[in-house]
Amino acid sequence: MNKFASPPPIDIVPETAPFSEEQRSWLNGFFAGLVSLDNTVTALSPEQGAAVMKGQGDSDDGEAPWHDQTMPMPERMKLAEGRPLRRKMMAAMAQQDCGQCGYNCNDYSDAIASKAEARLNLCVPGGKETARMLKSLYEEIDKVPAIAPSSAVKTDAAESASAKMAGERGRSRDNPVDAVFLSRRLLNKAGSEKETWHIEFDLSGPGLDYIVGDSFGIFARNDLGHVDQIIAMLGVSHTTEIKGKTLREVLLEDVSLAPAPDTLFELMSFISGGALREKATALAKGEDPDGDAANLDVMATLQKFSGVRPHPEAFIEALEPLQPRLYSISSSHNATPGRLSLTVDAVRYVIGKRKRIGVASTFLAERINPGDRLKVYVQKAHGFGLPADPNIPVIMIGPGTGVAPFRAFLHDRQATKAPGRNWLFFGHQRSDCDFFYADELNAMKASGVLNRLSLAWSRDTGEKFYVQDRMREVGRELWSWLADGAHVYVCGDAKRMAKDVERALVDIAAQFGARTTDEAVAFVADLKKKGRYQQDVY
């Protein structure tokens, strides 16, 4: 028997009370905490309960256990059960605090719940899954006013939204500046399965600066060939005017052509009939009648409903805005003032017989030319940056393009002559063609800026070998660095790599720190709480 198990729930508010199940659950939980040890309690009348709900409906403990990028949506929503609506909205988001929406997750949810922000589709990493959940939750706002955000929350969220709109130029998606694209160079050598680019920008014009750990937002444009194919499918001229711009200009610059939004399926259901209408209606509800919903971008949707030709204006209104994309900055303003660099994987894949591309990554890889200007902004990092004390050692774990912010960290430590030790774990597929910045890193190692460089190549031998495997190999020394106060940083894939790295760190703490597994888990959790374990994962 687990002596720490929770006692059975107490139903203080009767089922006949005029509350929703969510409200009853919250009230029962609230009053359970006031129950004496002998469980003596008097059930509330509906009037008493209503009075409490009016005053306490938005109470919350402030904790957000769902705020974990590696956690699937259903698990996050489960953890948010019984919480106020604004907290459920937060749980629906991608949990990255990436700033791509112009907020962090907590502020974005507050702004939506208080109706200070009407856009429910700003969470780019969360995609359609988040947008659908937010829409569903948003419909509950007026149904349960007792648990809507308080007036104080409304005021704060509204002021926050207003401040963001009027913020300093180049510091938010709502107030971008022009930067000049300087150059690109391929980081992979012949034989690589990847296409990764080092991208350079000139920021001297707008005078925009940044600190290492920040991200860079760019407003990309869609591929012209892709746009013209869509126009041809609509059967109209590319010069068709849409709100003062040509249809081609709108499709190039203003709307997303990636995963088809539910509003496009709704439009198709309005202007079609029979079996097509049934399919479109089902897709708009999040169903998958033909098993292809995950592959339906805007063009694929037009192909699927090939006999249906929406009016261009209605078609544009059914699409979502083209969102800016954020990339980790891979340079240091202290080392190269006025210049900024990114490390970008060009995304290309095939579904069926059609080639698909990542909009922003291929825009940077091939559709922008040196000297071209584009809209950009710097997104300040939330809890991801070098320690304030330059003497503190840092351990950086960044396979693939995850090396980007750590290249910035190293250049910054070198430029500022920080005395703290630096250890980088880098990995990729093949050592001979996927070792990004090899000359730079080896030079830093030779000069003493980079004290340790631990490499892992997953395709060099028959057995796959990753950064977490290398961590375990050198676990004793890694533990020694942690004992000396080192900060740990992880950048890259959230779903697999970040989990595997954290698991390796727990194992190292258990083995070399003489801890039980539970104590090792608590140790890593404490590193996070103290800001000594920071992640930039996606």
Protein backbone atom coordinates (compact mmCIF):
# COMPACT_ATOMS: atom_id res chain seq x y z
CA MET A 1 0.00 0.00 0.00
CA ASN A 2 1.27 3.45 -0.90
CA LYS A 3 0.96 5.59 2.20
CA PHE A 4 1.31 8.69 0.08
CA ALA A 5 -1.68 7.84 -2.10
CA SER A 6 -4.34 10.52 -2.38
CA PRO A 7 -7.56 10.03 -0.37
CA PRO A 8 -10.75 9.30 -2.29
CA PRO A 9 -12.39 12.42 -3.72
CA ILE A 10 -15.09 14.08 -1.64
CA ASP A 11 -18.26 15.28 -3.39
CA ILE A 12 -19.02 18.49 -1.55
CA VAL A 13 -20.99 20.13 -4.35
CA PRO A 14 -24.04 18.02 -5.21
CA GLU A 15 -24.64 16.86 -8.77
CA THR A 16 -27.92 18.80 -8.77
CA ALA A 17 -26.08 22.10 -8.35
CA PRO A 18 -26.22 24.34 -11.45
CA PHE A 19 -22.58 23.88 -12.44
CA SER A 20 -20.81 22.24 -15.32
CA GLU A 21 -18.76 19.10 -14.60
CA GLU A 22 -15.60 21.19 -14.82
CA GLN A 23 -16.93 23.71 -12.29
CA ARG A 24 -18.02 20.94 -9.90
CA SER A 25 -14.62 19.32 -10.19
CA TRP A 26 -12.87 22.58 -9.38
CA LEU A 27 -15.16 23.35 -6.43
CA ASN A 28 -14.77 19.87 -4.97
CA GLY A 29 -11.00 20.16 -5.24
CA PHE A 30 -11.04 23.62 -3.68
CA PHE A 31 -13.12 22.62 -0.68
CA ALA A 32 -11.35 19.31 -0.19
CA GLY A 33 -8.38 21.35 0.96
CA LEU A 34 -10.54 22.96 3.67
CA VAL A 35 -11.92 19.69 4.99
CA SER A 36 -10.77 18.75 8.50
CA LEU A 37 -8.85 15.54 9.11
CA ASP A 38 -11.98 13.71 10.29
CA ASN A 39 -13.62 14.57 6.95
CA THR A 40 -16.43 16.48 8.64
CA VAL A 41 -18.01 18.62 5.96
CA THR A 42 -21.35 20.08 5.07
CA ALA A 43 -22.41 20.07 1.44
CA LEU A 44 -22.78 23.50 -0.10
CA SER A 45 -26.04 24.86 -1.35
CA PRO A 46 -26.08 25.92 -5.00
CA GLU A 47 -26.25 29.56 -3.87
CA GLN A 48 -23.17 29.14 -1.65
CA GLY A 49 -21.29 27.42 -4.44
CA ALA A 50 -22.21 30.11 -6.94
CA ALA A 51 -20.97 32.79 -4.59
CA VAL A 52 -17.65 31.01 -4.22
CA MET A 53 -17.35 30.50 -7.98
CA LYS A 54 -17.92 34.19 -8.55
CA GLY A 55 -15.02 35.11 -6.31
CA GLN A 56 -12.68 32.16 -6.84
CA GLY A 57 -13.38 30.91 -10.36
CA ASP A 58 -9.95 31.75 -11.72
CA SER A 59 -7.93 30.53 -8.76
CA ASP A 60 -4.87 28.58 -9.81
CA ASP A 61 -1.73 27.39 -8.08
CA GLY A 62 0.50 28.92 -10.73
CA GLU A 63 2.18 25.62 -11.55
CA ALA A 64 2.25 24.41 -15.16
CA PRO A 65 3.28 20.74 -15.14
CA TRP A 66 2.24 20.46 -18.79
CA HIS A 67 4.87 23.01 -19.85
CA ASP A 68 7.14 20.46 -21.48
CA GLN A 69 7.97 20.47 -25.20
CA THR A 70 8.43 16.70 -25.23
CA MET A 71 4.94 15.94 -23.89
CA PRO A 72 2.19 14.95 -26.39
CA MET A 73 -0.94 17.10 -26.53
CA PRO A 74 -3.28 14.52 -24.87
CA GLU A 75 -0.96 14.25 -21.87
CA ARG A 76 -0.74 18.02 -21.52
CA MET A 77 -4.50 18.41 -21.69
CA LYS A 78 -4.93 15.65 -19.10
CA LEU A 79 -2.66 17.52 -16.69
CA ALA A 80 -4.68 20.70 -17.22
CA GLU A 81 -8.01 19.09 -16.33
CA GLY A 82 -9.85 21.04 -13.65
CA ARG A 83 -7.74 24.16 -14.26
CA PRO A 84 -9.14 27.51 -15.44
CA LEU A 85 -9.81 27.84 -19.16
CA ARG A 86 -6.79 30.08 -19.75
CA ARG A 87 -4.54 27.37 -18.29
CA LYS A 88 -6.07 24.73 -20.56
CA MET A 89 -5.35 27.07 -23.47
CA MET A 90 -1.73 27.25 -22.38
CA ALA A 91 -1.55 23.45 -22.26
CA ALA A 92 -2.85 23.31 -25.85
CA MET A 93 0.17 25.24 -27.12
CA ALA A 94 3.51 23.83 -28.24
CA GLN A 95 5.14 24.64 -24.87
CA GLN A 96 8.30 25.99 -26.48
CA ASP A 97 8.08 29.62 -25.31
CA CYS A 98 9.71 30.25 -28.67
CA GLY A 99 8.12 33.69 -29.04
CA GLN A 100 7.05 32.96 -32.60
CA CYS A 101 3.49 33.95 -31.70
CA GLY A 102 4.71 37.28 -30.31
CA TYR A 103 4.12 36.13 -26.73
CA ASN A 104 5.26 33.31 -24.49
CA CYS A 105 2.79 30.44 -24.00
CA ASN A 106 1.39 31.77 -20.72
CA ASP A 107 0.83 35.31 -22.02
CA TYR A 108 -0.66 34.11 -25.31
CA SER A 109 -3.20 31.97 -23.46
CA ASP A 110 -4.06 34.86 -21.12
CA ALA A 111 -4.53 37.20 -24.07
CA ILE A 112 -6.85 34.76 -25.87
CA ALA A 113 -8.88 33.96 -22.76
CA SER A 114 -9.35 37.67 -22.01
CA LYS A 115 -10.28 38.32 -25.67
CA ALA A 116 -7.37 40.74 -26.02
CA GLU A 117 -6.08 38.48 -28.83
CA ALA A 118 -8.48 37.08 -31.42
CA ARG A 119 -5.93 35.16 -33.50
CA LEU A 120 -5.98 31.49 -32.53
CA ASN A 121 -3.47 30.32 -35.16
CA LEU A 122 -0.25 32.03 -34.06
CA CYS A 123 1.34 28.96 -32.46
CA VAL A 124 3.41 27.84 -35.43
CA PRO A 125 5.10 24.85 -33.72
CA GLY A 126 1.72 23.66 -32.42
CA GLY A 127 0.22 23.81 -35.90
CA LYS A 128 -3.29 22.64 -36.69
CA GLU A 129 -3.48 20.49 -33.55
CA THR A 130 -3.07 23.54 -31.31
CA ALA A 131 -5.34 25.75 -33.44
CA ARG A 132 -8.15 23.20 -33.28
CA MET A 133 -7.87 22.78 -29.53
CA LEU A 134 -7.76 26.55 -28.97
CA LYS A 135 -10.85 26.99 -31.13
CA SER A 136 -12.68 24.36 -29.11
CA LEU A 137 -11.66 25.96 -25.83
CA TYR A 138 -12.42 29.46 -27.08
CA GLU A 139 -16.02 28.44 -27.68
CA GLU A 140 -16.28 27.74 -23.95
CA ILE A 141 -15.39 31.28 -22.84
CA ASP A 142 -18.92 32.66 -22.78
CA LYS A 143 -20.39 29.40 -21.49
CA VAL A 144 -18.37 29.43 -18.26
CA PRO A 145 -17.87 33.11 -17.40
CA ALA A 146 -17.20 32.22 -13.76
CA ILE A 147 -13.87 30.63 -14.67
CA ALA A 148 -12.85 33.15 -17.34
CA PRO A 149 -9.80 35.33 -16.57
CA SER A 150 -10.27 37.98 -13.92
CA SER A 151 -10.38 41.66 -14.78
CA ALA A 152 -6.78 42.01 -13.60
CA VAL A 153 -5.68 39.29 -16.00
CA LYS A 154 -7.66 40.92 -18.79
CA THR A 155 -6.04 44.27 -18.17
CA ASP A 156 -2.54 42.82 -18.00
CA ALA A 157 -3.04 40.77 -21.16
CA ALA A 158 -4.53 43.68 -23.06
CA GLU A 159 -1.71 45.99 -21.97
CA SER A 160 0.82 43.30 -22.86
CA ALA A 161 -0.66 42.89 -26.33
CA SER A 162 -0.74 46.65 -26.86
CA ALA A 163 2.86 46.98 -25.71
CA LYS A 164 3.99 44.27 -28.10
CA MET A 165 2.28 45.99 -31.02
CA ALA A 166 4.01 49.27 -30.21
CA GLY A 167 7.35 47.78 -29.19
CA GLU A 168 10.83 48.74 -30.26
CA ARG A 169 11.50 48.24 -33.96
CA GLY A 170 12.96 44.88 -34.83
CA ARG A 171 12.10 43.35 -31.44
CA SER A 172 8.83 41.60 -32.29
CA ARG A 173 6.98 40.03 -35.20
CA ASP A 174 4.59 42.99 -35.15
CA ASN A 175 7.34 45.55 -35.71
CA PRO A 176 10.00 44.04 -38.02
CA VAL A 177 12.82 45.88 -39.78
CA ASP A 178 14.63 45.37 -43.08
CA ALA A 179 17.88 43.41 -43.13
CA VAL A 180 20.16 42.68 -46.08
CA PHE A 181 20.83 39.10 -47.08
CA LEU A 182 24.58 38.74 -47.56
CA SER A 183 25.45 35.15 -48.46
CA ARG A 184 24.95 31.44 -48.06
CA ARG A 185 27.38 28.55 -48.11
CA LEU A 186 26.75 24.83 -47.98
CA LEU A 187 28.05 23.17 -44.83
CA ASN A 188 27.74 19.58 -46.01
CA LYS A 189 30.28 17.94 -48.29
CA ALA A 190 29.70 15.46 -51.10
CA GLY A 191 28.05 12.28 -49.92
CA SER A 192 25.80 13.86 -47.32
CA GLU A 193 22.10 13.08 -47.18
CA LYS A 194 21.43 16.55 -45.79
CA GLU A 195 21.44 20.09 -47.17
CA THR A 196 22.52 22.53 -44.48
CA TRP A 197 23.38 26.17 -45.08
CA HIS A 198 25.33 28.83 -43.24
CA ILE A 199 23.38 32.06 -43.83
CA GLU A 200 24.71 35.61 -43.30
CA PHE A 201 22.77 38.88 -42.79
CA ASP A 202 23.81 42.52 -42.47
CA LEU A 203 22.04 44.24 -39.55
CA SER A 204 24.05 47.47 -39.63
CA GLY A 205 21.31 49.36 -41.51
CA PRO A 206 18.60 49.08 -38.86
CA GLY A 207 21.22 49.00 -36.09
CA LEU A 208 19.71 45.81 -34.68
CA ASP A 209 21.71 43.91 -32.08
CA TYR A 210 21.16 40.69 -30.14
CA ILE A 211 22.67 38.46 -27.48
CA VAL A 212 23.63 34.83 -27.84
CA GLY A 213 20.68 32.54 -27.18
CA ASP A 214 18.23 34.85 -28.98
CA SER A 215 16.38 33.75 -32.10
CA PHE A 216 15.97 35.46 -35.46
CA GLY A 217 12.58 35.81 -37.10
CA ILE A 218 12.31 36.06 -40.88
CA PHE A 219 9.33 36.74 -43.11
CA ALA A 220 9.85 34.38 -46.02
CA ARG A 221 7.97 34.24 -49.33
CA ASN A 222 6.35 31.25 -50.97
CA ASP A 223 7.82 29.61 -54.05
CA LEU A 224 6.71 31.32 -57.28
CA GLY A 225 6.31 28.05 -59.18
CA HIS A 226 4.11 26.67 -56.42
CA VAL A 227 2.03 29.85 -56.41
CA ASP A 228 1.49 29.82 -60.16
CA GLN A 229 0.38 26.18 -60.05
CA ILE A 230 -2.30 27.11 -57.53
CA ILE A 231 -3.43 30.05 -59.65
CA ALA A 232 -3.74 27.73 -62.65
CA MET A 233 -5.86 25.32 -60.60
CA LEU A 234 -8.16 28.19 -59.63
CA GLY A 235 -8.55 28.98 -63.35
CA VAL A 236 -8.04 32.73 -62.95
CA SER A 237 -5.48 35.35 -63.92
CA HIS A 238 -2.52 36.01 -61.65
CA THR A 239 -3.37 39.72 -61.91
CA THR A 240 -6.79 39.25 -60.28
CA GLU A 241 -7.06 41.98 -57.67
CA ILE A 242 -7.46 41.02 -54.02
CA LYS A 243 -7.71 43.99 -51.65
CA GLY A 244 -5.37 46.21 -53.62
CA LYS A 245 -2.80 43.51 -54.50
CA THR A 246 -2.62 40.94 -57.26
CA LEU A 247 -3.57 37.35 -56.50
CA ARG A 248 0.03 36.32 -57.19
CA GLU A 249 1.39 38.88 -54.71
CA VAL A 250 -1.02 37.74 -52.00
CA LEU A 251 -0.16 34.08 -52.52
CA LEU A 252 3.56 34.85 -52.54
CA GLU A 253 3.72 37.06 -49.49
CA ASP A 254 0.63 36.91 -47.32
CA VAL A 255 -0.88 33.44 -46.92
CA SER A 256 0.31 29.99 -45.89
CA LEU A 257 0.18 27.24 -48.51
CA ALA A 258 1.30 24.53 -46.09
CA PRO A 259 -1.17 22.32 -44.14
CA ALA A 260 -4.67 23.20 -45.33
CA PRO A 261 -6.65 24.97 -42.59
CA ASP A 262 -10.08 23.77 -41.50
CA THR A 263 -11.54 26.98 -42.94
CA LEU A 264 -10.52 25.84 -46.44
CA PHE A 265 -12.35 22.54 -45.94
CA GLU A 266 -15.36 24.52 -44.69
CA LEU A 267 -15.27 26.62 -47.85
CA MET A 268 -15.15 23.48 -49.97
CA SER A 269 -18.16 22.09 -48.13
CA PHE A 270 -20.14 25.28 -48.81
CA ILE A 271 -19.53 25.26 -52.57
CA SER A 272 -19.69 21.52 -53.28
CA GLY A 273 -22.31 18.84 -52.93
CA GLY A 274 -22.90 15.14 -52.42
CA ALA A 275 -19.93 12.97 -51.49
CA LEU A 276 -17.48 15.86 -51.89
CA ARG A 277 -19.43 17.95 -49.39
CA GLU A 278 -19.48 15.07 -46.92
CA LYS A 279 -15.72 14.66 -47.21
CA ALA A 280 -15.05 18.38 -46.84
CA THR A 281 -17.34 18.60 -43.82
CA ALA A 282 -15.60 15.65 -42.19
CA LEU A 283 -12.15 17.13 -42.83
CA ALA A 284 -13.25 20.47 -41.36
CA LYS A 285 -14.18 18.61 -38.15
CA GLY A 286 -10.73 17.02 -37.91
CA GLU A 287 -11.85 13.66 -39.27
CA ASP A 288 -9.95 11.70 -41.92
CA PRO A 289 -12.43 10.05 -44.33
CA ASP A 290 -9.84 8.94 -46.91
CA GLY A 291 -6.78 8.50 -44.69
CA ASP A 292 -4.90 11.38 -46.33
CA ALA A 293 -5.71 14.35 -44.09
CA ALA A 294 -2.12 14.62 -42.80
CA ASN A 295 -0.87 15.14 -46.37
CA LEU A 296 -3.35 17.81 -47.42
CA ASP A 297 -1.68 21.13 -47.97
CA VAL A 298 -3.48 23.84 -49.97
CA MET A 299 -2.51 22.48 -53.39
CA ALA A 300 -3.35 18.89 -52.44
CA THR A 301 -6.75 20.09 -51.23
CA LEU A 302 -7.46 21.76 -54.58
CA GLN A 303 -6.43 18.52 -56.28
CA LYS A 304 -8.65 16.44 -54.00
CA PHE A 305 -11.63 18.69 -54.79
CA SER A 306 -10.61 19.20 -58.40
CA GLY A 307 -14.13 19.80 -59.65
CA VAL A 308 -14.63 22.67 -57.23
CA ARG A 309 -13.26 26.13 -58.04
CA PRO A 310 -13.65 28.65 -55.24
CA HIS A 311 -13.78 32.36 -55.99
CA PRO A 312 -10.26 33.81 -55.52
CA GLU A 313 -11.32 36.24 -52.81
CA ALA A 314 -13.17 33.57 -50.81
CA PHE A 315 -10.22 31.24 -51.32
CA ILE A 316 -7.74 33.76 -49.91
CA GLU A 317 -10.00 34.51 -46.95
CA ALA A 318 -10.12 30.78 -46.13
CA LEU A 319 -6.31 30.56 -45.86
CA GLU A 320 -4.18 31.37 -42.84
CA PRO A 321 -1.57 34.13 -42.79
CA LEU A 322 2.00 33.25 -43.66
CA GLN A 323 3.74 33.24 -40.30
CA PRO A 324 7.34 34.32 -39.70
CA ARG A 325 9.82 31.55 -38.91
CA LEU A 326 12.32 31.59 -36.05
CA TYR A 327 15.87 30.25 -36.18
CA SER A 328 18.51 29.99 -33.46
CA ILE A 329 21.21 32.60 -34.03
CA SER A 330 24.61 31.03 -34.66
CA SER A 331 26.79 34.13 -34.28
CA SER A 332 27.81 36.58 -31.56
CA HIS A 333 27.22 40.33 -31.78
CA ASN A 334 30.29 40.79 -29.60
CA ALA A 335 32.41 38.91 -32.13
CA THR A 336 30.87 40.24 -35.38
CA PRO A 337 28.88 43.42 -34.68
CA GLY A 338 26.41 44.30 -37.40
CA ARG A 339 26.33 40.77 -38.77
CA LEU A 340 24.19 37.78 -37.91
CA SER A 341 24.31 34.17 -39.06
CA LEU A 342 21.97 31.17 -39.05
CA THR A 343 22.51 27.44 -39.56
CA VAL A 344 19.58 26.10 -41.57
CA ASP A 345 18.56 22.67 -42.85
CA ALA A 346 16.74 22.99 -46.20
CA VAL A 347 13.56 20.92 -45.85
CA ARG A 348 12.64 18.90 -48.94
CA TYR A 349 10.56 15.72 -49.11
CA VAL A 350 8.19 13.82 -51.39
CA ILE A 351 4.57 12.84 -50.75
CA GLY A 352 3.13 10.70 -53.49
CA LYS A 353 4.81 12.00 -56.61
CA ARG A 354 4.92 15.61 -55.56
CA LYS A 355 7.91 17.37 -54.05
CA ARG A 356 7.19 19.39 -50.91
CA ILE A 357 9.45 22.04 -49.40
CA GLY A 358 9.90 23.98 -46.19
CA VAL A 359 8.93 27.54 -47.06
CA ALA A 360 11.47 29.52 -45.04
CA SER A 361 14.36 27.07 -45.25
CA THR A 362 14.26 26.83 -49.05
CA PHE A 363 13.64 30.57 -49.30
CA LEU A 364 16.98 31.07 -47.56
CA ALA A 365 18.64 28.25 -49.49
CA GLU A 366 17.68 29.30 -53.01
CA ARG A 367 15.05 32.03 -53.45
CA ILE A 368 16.79 35.05 -52.00
CA ASN A 369 19.86 36.68 -53.51
CA PRO A 370 22.77 38.61 -51.99
CA GLY A 371 21.76 42.25 -51.56
CA ASP A 372 18.04 41.46 -51.23
CA ARG A 373 16.15 42.93 -48.30
CA LEU A 374 13.67 41.09 -46.13
CA LYS A 375 11.61 41.73 -43.01
CA VAL A 376 13.24 40.39 -39.84
CA TYR A 377 13.19 40.73 -36.06
CA VAL A 378 15.11 39.48 -33.04
CA GLN A 379 13.17 37.34 -30.59
CA LYS A 380 14.57 37.57 -27.06
CA ALA A 381 15.29 34.17 -25.53
CA HIS A 382 13.22 32.93 -22.60
CA GLY A 383 15.60 31.26 -20.17
CA PHE A 384 18.26 30.23 -22.68
CA GLY A 385 21.59 31.98 -22.52
CA LEU A 386 25.10 31.96 -21.13
CA PRO A 387 25.52 32.26 -17.34
CA ALA A 388 26.01 35.78 -16.03
CA ASP A 389 29.27 34.70 -14.39
CA PRO A 390 31.84 34.13 -17.19
CA ASN A 391 33.82 31.80 -14.91
CA ILE A 392 31.10 29.14 -14.88
CA PRO A 393 31.86 26.12 -17.12
CA VAL A 394 29.30 25.22 -19.78
CA ILE A 395 28.40 21.89 -21.36
CA MET A 396 26.67 22.24 -24.74
CA ILE A 397 24.85 19.38 -26.47
CA GLY A 398 23.73 20.17 -30.01
CA PRO A 399 23.63 17.57 -32.80
CA GLY A 400 22.94 18.69 -36.37
CA THR A 401 21.66 22.26 -36.63
CA GLY A 402 21.35 22.18 -32.85
CA VAL A 403 24.97 23.34 -32.86
CA ALA A 404 23.81 26.81 -33.98
CA PRO A 405 23.45 28.58 -30.61
CA PHE A 406 26.58 26.87 -29.30
CA ARG A 407 28.68 28.22 -32.14
CA ALA A 408 27.34 31.59 -30.96
CA PHE A 409 28.18 30.79 -27.33
CA LEU A 410 31.76 29.86 -28.23
CA HIS A 411 32.32 32.93 -30.40
CA ASP A 412 30.95 35.08 -27.59
CA ARG A 413 33.12 33.48 -24.89
CA GLN A 414 36.12 33.91 -27.18
CA ALA A 415 35.32 37.58 -27.95
CA THR A 416 34.73 38.47 -24.29
CA LYS A 417 37.70 36.39 -23.08
CA ALA A 418 35.46 34.52 -20.64
CA PRO A 419 37.65 32.23 -18.52
CA GLY A 420 35.02 29.52 -17.99
CA ARG A 421 35.63 26.09 -19.53
CA ASN A 422 33.61 24.99 -22.58
CA TRP A 423 32.61 21.47 -23.63
CA LEU A 424 30.69 20.78 -26.83
CA PHE A 425 28.93 17.55 -27.79
CA PHE A 426 28.19 17.54 -31.54
CA GLY A 427 26.88 14.74 -33.68
CA HIS A 428 25.46 14.03 -37.11
CA GLN A 429 25.34 11.23 -39.66
CA ARG A 430 28.84 11.07 -41.19
CA SER A 431 32.12 12.55 -40.01
CA ASP A 432 33.56 13.15 -43.48
CA CYS A 433 30.63 15.18 -44.86
CA ASP A 434 28.47 16.37 -41.92
CA PHE A 435 31.01 17.92 -39.54
CA PHE A 436 29.71 21.51 -39.53
CA TYR A 437 32.23 24.26 -38.71
CA ALA A 438 34.99 21.65 -38.32
CA ASP A 439 37.82 24.12 -39.01
CA GLU A 440 36.42 26.67 -36.55
CA LEU A 441 35.84 24.16 -33.79
CA ASN A 442 39.21 22.50 -34.19
CA ALA A 443 40.90 25.91 -34.11
CA MET A 444 39.02 26.81 -30.93
CA LYS A 445 40.09 23.52 -29.42
CA ALA A 446 43.71 24.16 -30.36
CA SER A 447 43.59 27.67 -28.85
CA GLY A 448 42.00 26.47 -25.62
CA VAL A 449 38.65 28.25 -26.04
CA LEU A 450 36.98 24.87 -26.52
CA ASN A 451 38.31 22.62 -23.78
CA ARG A 452 36.55 19.46 -24.91
CA LEU A 453 34.93 18.45 -28.21
CA SER A 454 33.01 15.17 -28.07
CA LEU A 455 31.72 13.86 -31.41
CA ALA A 456 29.16 11.20 -32.33
CA TRP A 457 28.45 9.89 -35.84
CA SER A 458 25.35 7.77 -36.38
CA ARG A 459 26.19 6.41 -39.85
CA ASP A 460 29.96 5.90 -39.78
CA THR A 461 29.66 2.31 -38.60
CA GLY A 462 27.03 -0.38 -38.69
CA GLU A 463 25.85 0.57 -35.20
CA LYS A 464 24.18 3.95 -34.68
CA PHE A 465 25.93 6.12 -32.15
CA TYR A 466 24.47 9.37 -30.80
CA VAL A 467 25.47 12.26 -28.53
CA GLN A 468 23.75 10.62 -25.55
CA ASP A 469 25.92 7.53 -26.11
CA ARG A 470 29.04 9.68 -26.07
CA MET A 471 27.82 11.36 -22.87
CA ARG A 472 27.61 7.99 -21.13
CA GLU A 473 31.13 7.09 -22.31
CA VAL A 474 32.59 10.17 -20.65
CA GLY A 475 30.11 10.19 -17.79
CA ARG A 476 32.66 10.35 -14.99
CA GLU A 477 34.26 13.56 -16.31
CA LEU A 478 30.90 15.04 -17.21
CA TRP A 479 29.80 14.46 -13.62
CA SER A 480 32.98 16.17 -12.44
CA TRP A 481 32.07 19.26 -14.48
CA LEU A 482 28.57 19.24 -12.97
CA ALA A 483 30.08 19.01 -9.50
CA ASP A 484 32.11 22.12 -10.39
CA GLY A 485 28.90 24.02 -11.12
CA ALA A 486 28.70 23.63 -14.91
CA HIS A 487 25.57 24.72 -16.75
CA VAL A 488 24.11 22.27 -19.29
CA TYR A 489 22.52 23.35 -22.58
CA VAL A 490 20.62 21.23 -25.08
CA CYS A 491 19.46 22.32 -28.54
CA GLY A 492 17.67 20.32 -31.23
CA ASP A 493 14.92 17.75 -31.59
CA ALA A 494 12.46 17.75 -28.67
CA LYS A 495 10.69 14.45 -29.27
CA ARG A 496 13.66 12.08 -29.23
CA MET A 497 17.08 13.66 -28.79
CA ALA A 498 16.19 15.91 -25.84
CA LYS A 499 14.52 13.04 -24.00
CA ASP A 500 17.45 10.71 -24.64
CA VAL A 501 19.97 13.33 -23.48
CA GLU A 502 18.06 13.97 -20.28
CA ARG A 503 17.81 10.23 -19.63
CA ALA A 504 21.59 9.92 -20.12
CA LEU A 505 22.17 12.76 -17.68
CA VAL A 506 19.97 11.03 -15.09
CA ASP A 507 21.95 7.80 -15.57
CA ILE A 508 25.24 9.67 -15.17
CA ALA A 509 24.01 11.35 -11.97
CA ALA A 510 22.94 7.98 -10.60
CA GLN A 511 26.13 6.12 -11.55
CA PHE A 512 28.81 8.67 -10.76
CA GLY A 513 26.91 10.73 -8.18
CA ALA A 514 26.02 7.67 -6.07
CA ARG A 515 22.30 8.39 -6.24
CA THR A 516 19.22 6.25 -6.62
CA THR A 517 17.27 6.69 -9.83
CA ASP A 518 14.67 8.83 -8.06
CA GLU A 519 17.40 10.97 -6.51
CA ALA A 520 19.08 11.35 -9.91
CA VAL A 521 15.78 12.45 -11.48
CA ALA A 522 15.34 14.98 -8.68
CA PHE A 523 18.92 16.20 -9.21
CA VAL A 524 18.29 16.92 -12.91
CA ALA A 525 14.95 18.57 -12.06
CA ASP A 526 16.81 20.79 -9.59
CA LEU A 527 19.31 21.74 -12.30
CA LYS A 528 16.37 22.92 -14.41
CA LYS A 529 14.81 24.81 -11.52
CA LYS A 530 18.09 26.63 -10.84
CA GLY A 531 18.62 27.50 -14.51
CA ARG A 532 21.59 25.17 -14.81
CA TYR A 533 19.85 22.93 -17.37
CA GLN A 534 18.46 24.92 -20.28
CA GLN A 535 16.86 23.71 -23.49
CA ASP A 536 16.17 25.23 -26.89
CA VAL A 537 14.28 22.33 -28.42
CA TYR A 538 11.66 22.09 -31.13
